[in-house]
Protein backbone atom coordinates (compact mmCIF):
# COMPACT_ATOMS: atom_id res chain seq x y z
CA UNK A 1 125.55 95.57 81.63
CA UNK A 2 122.13 97.09 80.48
CA UNK A 3 120.16 98.43 83.36
CA UNK A 4 116.44 99.48 83.10
CA UNK A 5 115.40 102.89 84.53
CA UNK A 6 112.47 102.89 87.04
CA UNK A 7 109.66 104.91 85.68
CA UNK A 8 109.18 108.48 86.77
CA UNK A 9 107.13 109.49 89.84
CA UNK A 10 103.47 109.95 88.56
CA UNK A 11 104.06 107.73 85.68
CA UNK A 12 102.70 104.18 86.03
CA UNK A 13 104.39 101.19 84.50
CA UNK A 14 102.90 98.49 82.57
CA UNK A 15 100.29 96.67 84.54
CA UNK A 16 100.78 98.96 87.74
CA UNK A 17 97.68 100.65 89.49
CA UNK A 18 97.83 104.32 89.84
CA UNK A 19 97.21 105.41 93.52
CA UNK A 20 96.12 108.54 94.95
CA UNK A 21 98.47 111.04 96.37
CA UNK A 22 98.62 114.70 97.22
CA UNK A 23 99.56 117.24 94.35
CA UNK A 24 101.55 120.07 94.54
CA UNK A 25 99.70 123.54 94.65
CA UNK A 26 100.35 127.28 95.81
CA UNK A 27 98.35 129.67 97.34
CA UNK A 28 95.92 130.68 94.73
CA UNK A 29 94.59 134.26 96.35
CA UNK A 30 98.24 135.55 96.13
CA UNK A 31 98.65 134.36 92.60
CA UNK A 32 95.45 136.02 91.62
CA UNK A 33 96.59 139.34 93.02
CA UNK A 34 99.94 138.98 91.17
CA UNK A 35 98.23 137.83 87.94
CA UNK A 36 95.71 140.71 87.97
CA UNK A 37 98.66 143.27 88.75
CA UNK A 38 100.75 141.64 85.96
CA UNK A 39 97.76 142.23 83.46
CA UNK A 40 97.33 145.96 84.84
CA UNK A 41 101.07 146.67 84.39
CA UNK A 42 101.25 145.13 80.84
CA UNK A 43 98.48 147.55 79.85
CA UNK A 44 100.19 150.37 81.47
CA UNK A 45 103.43 149.42 79.66
CA UNK A 46 101.75 148.96 76.50
CA UNK A 47 99.81 152.39 76.62
CA UNK A 48 103.26 154.13 77.47
CA UNK A 49 105.04 152.49 74.59
CA UNK A 50 102.36 153.19 71.93
CA UNK A 51 101.43 156.84 73.05
CA UNK A 52 104.71 158.28 74.29
CA UNK A 53 107.66 156.28 72.98
CA UNK A 54 109.07 156.32 69.56
CA UNK A 55 111.76 154.24 67.73
CA UNK A 56 113.49 151.47 69.60
CA UNK A 57 112.01 152.51 72.99
CA UNK A 58 108.34 151.85 71.80
CA UNK A 59 109.48 148.42 70.42
CA UNK A 60 111.21 147.49 73.82
CA UNK A 61 108.09 148.55 75.43
CA UNK A 62 105.79 146.54 73.41
CA UNK A 63 107.75 143.72 73.97
CA UNK A 64 107.74 144.01 77.62
CA UNK A 65 103.96 144.57 77.62
CA UNK A 66 103.43 141.27 75.61
CA UNK A 67 105.54 139.27 77.92
CA UNK A 68 103.71 140.63 80.85
CA UNK A 69 100.47 139.90 79.28
CA UNK A 70 101.51 136.31 78.64
CA UNK A 71 102.82 135.95 82.24
CA UNK A 72 99.69 137.28 83.51
CA UNK A 73 97.56 135.19 81.47
CA UNK A 74 99.74 131.87 82.57
CA UNK A 75 99.35 133.05 86.23
CA UNK A 76 95.54 133.20 85.95
CA UNK A 77 95.23 129.93 83.75
CA UNK A 78 96.74 127.82 86.51
CA UNK A 79 94.21 128.93 89.18
CA UNK A 80 91.84 126.25 90.14
CA UNK A 81 88.98 126.32 92.55
CA UNK A 82 87.90 123.35 94.74
CA UNK A 83 84.56 123.16 96.69
CA UNK A 84 83.98 121.14 99.64
CA UNK A 85 82.86 117.48 98.38
CA UNK A 86 85.06 117.70 95.09
CA UNK A 87 88.55 117.00 94.46
CA UNK A 88 90.96 117.94 91.48
CA UNK A 89 93.25 115.32 89.71
CA UNK A 90 96.02 116.86 88.12
CA UNK A 91 97.46 115.63 84.86
CA UNK A 92 100.34 116.96 83.09
CA UNK A 93 100.98 115.61 79.52
CA UNK A 94 99.16 112.54 80.32
CA UNK A 95 100.69 111.87 83.74
CA UNK A 96 99.14 111.82 86.90
CA UNK A 97 100.50 114.32 89.00
CA UNK A 98 98.31 113.95 92.36
CA UNK A 99 95.03 115.19 93.81
CA UNK A 100 93.89 118.43 95.40
CA UNK A 101 91.20 117.59 98.07
CA UNK A 102 91.53 120.67 100.30
CA UNK A 103 88.89 123.23 99.50
CA UNK A 104 89.70 126.76 98.35
CA UNK A 105 91.59 128.66 95.61
CA UNK A 106 94.90 126.81 94.27
CA UNK A 107 97.38 127.47 91.69
CA UNK A 108 98.93 124.53 89.58
CA UNK A 109 101.10 124.06 86.51
CA UNK A 110 98.84 126.13 83.92
CA UNK A 111 99.61 123.66 81.33
CA UNK A 112 98.17 120.88 83.70
CA UNK A 113 94.64 119.31 83.16
CA UNK A 114 92.58 119.40 86.07
CA UNK A 115 89.90 116.80 86.35
CA UNK A 116 86.77 117.25 88.71
CA UNK A 117 86.00 114.16 90.61
CA UNK A 118 82.95 114.18 93.29
CA UNK A 119 83.85 112.78 96.51
CA UNK A 120 80.17 113.01 97.94
CA UNK A 121 78.40 110.26 99.29
CA UNK A 122 76.05 108.92 96.55
CA UNK A 123 73.13 106.40 96.30
CA UNK A 124 72.66 103.84 93.51
CA UNK A 125 69.03 102.09 93.47
CA UNK A 126 69.23 98.81 91.30
CA UNK A 127 66.48 97.96 88.83
CA UNK A 128 63.99 95.07 90.16
CA UNK A 129 65.59 92.11 88.74
CA UNK A 130 63.96 88.80 88.30
CA UNK A 131 66.19 85.93 89.53
CA UNK A 132 65.81 82.29 90.55
CA UNK A 133 66.76 81.71 94.17
CA UNK A 134 68.71 78.74 95.27
CA UNK A 135 65.52 76.61 95.23
CA UNK A 136 64.76 77.53 91.50
CA UNK A 137 61.78 79.98 92.41
CA UNK A 138 61.62 83.17 90.47
CA UNK A 139 61.78 86.05 92.70
CA UNK A 140 61.97 89.97 92.32
CA UNK A 141 64.89 91.62 94.16
CA UNK A 142 66.15 95.14 94.07
CA UNK A 143 68.83 96.95 96.57
CA UNK A 144 70.00 100.51 97.28
CA UNK A 145 73.73 101.08 97.49
CA UNK A 146 75.45 103.89 99.47
CA UNK A 147 78.96 104.52 98.30
CA UNK A 148 81.59 107.28 97.90
CA UNK A 149 84.73 107.70 95.79
CA UNK A 150 87.87 106.97 98.30
CA UNK A 151 90.76 106.84 95.75
CA UNK A 152 90.21 109.53 92.88
CA UNK A 153 93.29 108.17 90.82
CA UNK A 154 91.85 104.66 90.62
CA UNK A 155 88.37 106.19 89.85
CA UNK A 156 89.75 107.99 86.84
CA UNK A 157 92.58 105.79 85.65
CA UNK A 158 91.59 102.28 86.69
CA UNK A 159 88.10 102.11 84.93
CA UNK A 160 86.51 103.79 82.01
CA UNK A 161 83.49 105.24 83.82
CA UNK A 162 83.29 104.66 87.59
CA UNK A 163 79.74 105.51 88.13
CA UNK A 164 78.57 103.03 85.48
CA UNK A 165 81.14 100.51 86.66
CA UNK A 166 79.68 100.76 90.18
CA UNK A 167 76.03 100.39 88.96
CA UNK A 168 76.96 97.32 86.62
CA UNK A 169 78.89 95.66 89.70
CA UNK A 170 75.98 96.44 91.99
CA UNK A 171 73.65 94.74 89.89
CA UNK A 172 75.83 91.65 89.36
CA UNK A 173 76.12 91.45 93.13
CA UNK A 174 72.43 91.61 93.87
CA UNK A 175 71.79 88.80 91.03
CA UNK A 176 74.72 86.59 92.52
CA UNK A 177 73.49 87.05 96.17
CA UNK A 178 69.77 86.34 95.18
CA UNK A 179 70.57 83.12 93.46
CA UNK A 180 72.73 81.89 96.21
CA UNK A 181 70.16 81.54 98.88
CA UNK A 182 66.37 80.54 99.10
CA UNK A 183 63.71 82.77 99.55
CA UNK A 184 62.32 81.26 102.61
CA UNK A 185 64.21 78.59 104.94
CA UNK A 186 60.86 76.79 105.78
CA UNK A 187 61.62 76.17 109.20
CA UNK A 188 65.37 74.91 108.83
CA UNK A 189 68.48 76.71 109.80
CA UNK A 190 69.66 77.50 106.54
CA UNK A 191 70.16 81.16 105.62
CA UNK A 192 67.48 82.63 103.67
CA UNK A 193 66.67 86.04 101.90
CA UNK A 194 63.51 86.73 103.90
CA UNK A 195 64.45 85.39 107.36
CA UNK A 196 68.07 86.50 107.65
CA UNK A 197 67.90 90.05 106.09
CA UNK A 198 70.91 91.29 108.16
CA UNK A 199 73.30 88.55 107.51
CA UNK A 200 72.38 88.71 103.78
CA UNK A 201 72.89 92.62 103.60
CA UNK A 202 76.15 92.27 105.24
CA UNK A 203 77.27 89.66 102.78
CA UNK A 204 76.03 91.83 99.84
CA UNK A 205 77.90 94.76 101.11
CA UNK A 206 80.82 92.66 101.20
CA UNK A 207 80.70 91.45 97.74
CA UNK A 208 79.89 94.74 96.11
CA UNK A 209 83.09 96.10 98.20
CA UNK A 210 85.11 93.49 96.65
CA UNK A 211 83.74 93.97 93.23
CA UNK A 212 84.21 98.06 92.98
CA UNK A 213 87.69 98.05 95.13
CA UNK A 214 89.59 98.30 91.70
CA UNK A 215 87.67 101.77 90.88
CA UNK A 216 88.60 103.27 94.21
CA UNK A 217 85.27 103.19 95.67
CA UNK A 218 84.14 102.47 99.12
CA UNK A 219 80.87 101.04 99.94
CA UNK A 220 79.25 102.70 103.02
CA UNK A 221 75.90 100.51 103.15
CA UNK A 222 73.56 98.49 100.96
CA UNK A 223 70.00 97.43 101.64
CA UNK A 224 67.39 95.36 99.91
CA UNK A 225 64.59 97.56 98.88
CA UNK A 226 62.50 94.83 97.36
CA UNK A 227 62.05 91.27 97.79
CA UNK A 228 59.02 89.24 96.73
CA UNK A 229 58.27 85.99 94.58
CA UNK A 230 57.61 86.74 90.91
CA UNK A 231 54.19 87.09 89.89
CA UNK A 232 53.69 84.16 88.17
CA UNK A 233 54.05 82.06 91.54
CA UNK A 234 52.98 84.69 93.91
CA UNK A 235 49.49 83.27 94.41
CA UNK A 236 50.66 79.78 94.90
CA UNK A 237 53.38 80.66 97.45
CA UNK A 238 51.06 82.97 99.29
CA UNK A 239 48.63 79.80 99.64
CA UNK A 240 51.47 78.00 101.01
CA UNK A 241 52.59 80.46 103.56
CA UNK A 242 49.06 80.99 104.70
CA UNK A 243 48.79 77.00 105.19
CA UNK A 244 52.06 77.06 107.11
CA UNK A 245 50.86 79.89 109.31
CA UNK A 246 47.63 78.11 110.01
CA UNK A 247 49.38 74.99 110.67
CA UNK A 248 51.77 76.76 113.25
CA UNK A 249 48.79 78.63 114.92
CA UNK A 250 47.00 75.16 115.29
CA UNK A 251 50.12 73.68 116.62
CA UNK A 252 50.53 76.61 119.33
CA UNK A 253 46.79 76.27 120.29
CA UNK A 254 46.99 72.39 120.81
CA UNK A 255 50.17 72.85 122.97
CA UNK A 256 48.65 75.40 125.08
CA UNK A 257 45.40 73.41 125.47
CA UNK A 258 47.28 70.40 126.59
CA UNK A 259 49.09 72.21 128.95
CA UNK A 260 45.92 73.86 130.44
CA UNK A 261 44.17 70.42 130.62
CA UNK A 262 47.10 68.78 132.23
CA UNK A 263 47.34 71.83 134.84
CA UNK A 264 43.68 71.35 135.58
CA UNK A 265 43.93 67.58 136.41
CA UNK A 266 46.69 68.27 138.46
CA UNK A 267 45.16 70.97 140.59
CA UNK A 268 41.80 68.94 140.95
CA UNK A 269 43.85 66.06 142.19
CA UNK A 270 45.98 68.14 144.65
CA UNK A 271 43.26 69.99 146.19
CA UNK A 272 40.83 66.97 146.22
CA UNK A 273 37.83 68.61 144.66
CA UNK A 274 36.64 65.43 143.05
CA UNK A 275 38.16 62.12 142.49
CA UNK A 276 37.86 61.17 138.68
CA UNK A 277 38.55 57.77 137.42
CA UNK A 278 40.27 56.89 134.04
CA UNK A 279 36.90 57.26 132.18
CA UNK A 280 35.78 60.56 133.70
CA UNK A 281 39.35 61.60 133.18
CA UNK A 282 39.21 61.04 129.38
CA UNK A 283 35.69 62.64 128.97
CA UNK A 284 36.96 65.75 131.06
CA UNK A 285 40.19 66.01 128.62
CA UNK A 286 37.77 65.51 125.69
CA UNK A 287 35.22 68.30 126.60
CA UNK A 288 38.26 70.77 127.56
CA UNK A 289 40.08 70.18 124.35
CA UNK A 290 36.88 70.70 122.24
CA UNK A 291 36.47 73.97 124.19
CA UNK A 292 39.96 75.21 123.76
CA UNK A 293 40.53 74.14 120.22
CA UNK A 294 37.25 75.21 118.65
CA UNK A 295 37.28 78.26 116.40
CA UNK A 296 33.85 78.77 117.26
CA UNK A 297 32.07 79.50 120.54
CA UNK A 298 30.89 76.35 122.23
CA UNK A 299 27.44 75.85 123.70
CA UNK A 300 27.12 74.39 127.25
CA UNK A 301 25.10 71.24 127.79
CA UNK A 302 23.75 70.34 131.32
CA UNK A 303 23.82 66.68 132.17
CA UNK A 304 21.07 65.75 134.33
CA UNK A 305 22.21 62.22 134.71
CA UNK A 306 25.16 60.40 135.65
CA UNK A 307 28.17 59.86 133.32
CA UNK A 308 27.43 56.27 132.92
CA UNK A 309 23.64 56.55 132.21
């Protein structure tokens, strides 16, 4: 029976995804002291062998000095410093061996490659894109994305350049969101880019998070920084918005005027100030509506006769 050996730890099989794990490291300060001491000892042994020894003793001391120099060099070569906000991904002979996140001086295998990865919070501001919204109107839209590397192994080994990957995926998500919703709901209950900014930004953050997850990136927040109609239709849409605003204002004025007229008639009737027939009520309603709905100041006219003459 032929059995297939499982891949070693740190070696990803075909199609597998490398995930971050902690790398082995030793205290770097102790190794630094030992390395410097080894180099000083090598220099001392070499000086003794060259200056005061002869024959086989000199060759032995020189050999010991060379070995001490090599050991000191390897000790110092394995030192790596990690500052706050950064991590070191350790790679040995092409295999991922783990990540060091703790700040300070560490010692790892001197033959291992230490790749620097920034874990600080970053901003990406997308360029202003011209996209057609769900109604086919050209709009200009841009967004800012706040993100951070969460898995250093995925960021290095899953994509070629995780910074460029995040930028491209953010641009793609912004364009997709802009084309999925109308700019203005025009009084309907449909979600729109302008009237439902909070819901739209939440969906934008969720879509960007899904797109950048293979790169080990976490999206903290995303916000729209620009949202407007394109220049070629901006004037037409501005006139439409102004017309809608005028109609809405007129509607509110008429509703308020009708309520005030109704209240005036009811109060006059309840308190018995004057008895009005239907014709006088109609004249009073007409006059009050003219006064309340007019955009200009009205002039008072004193009627010296009766209503019927």
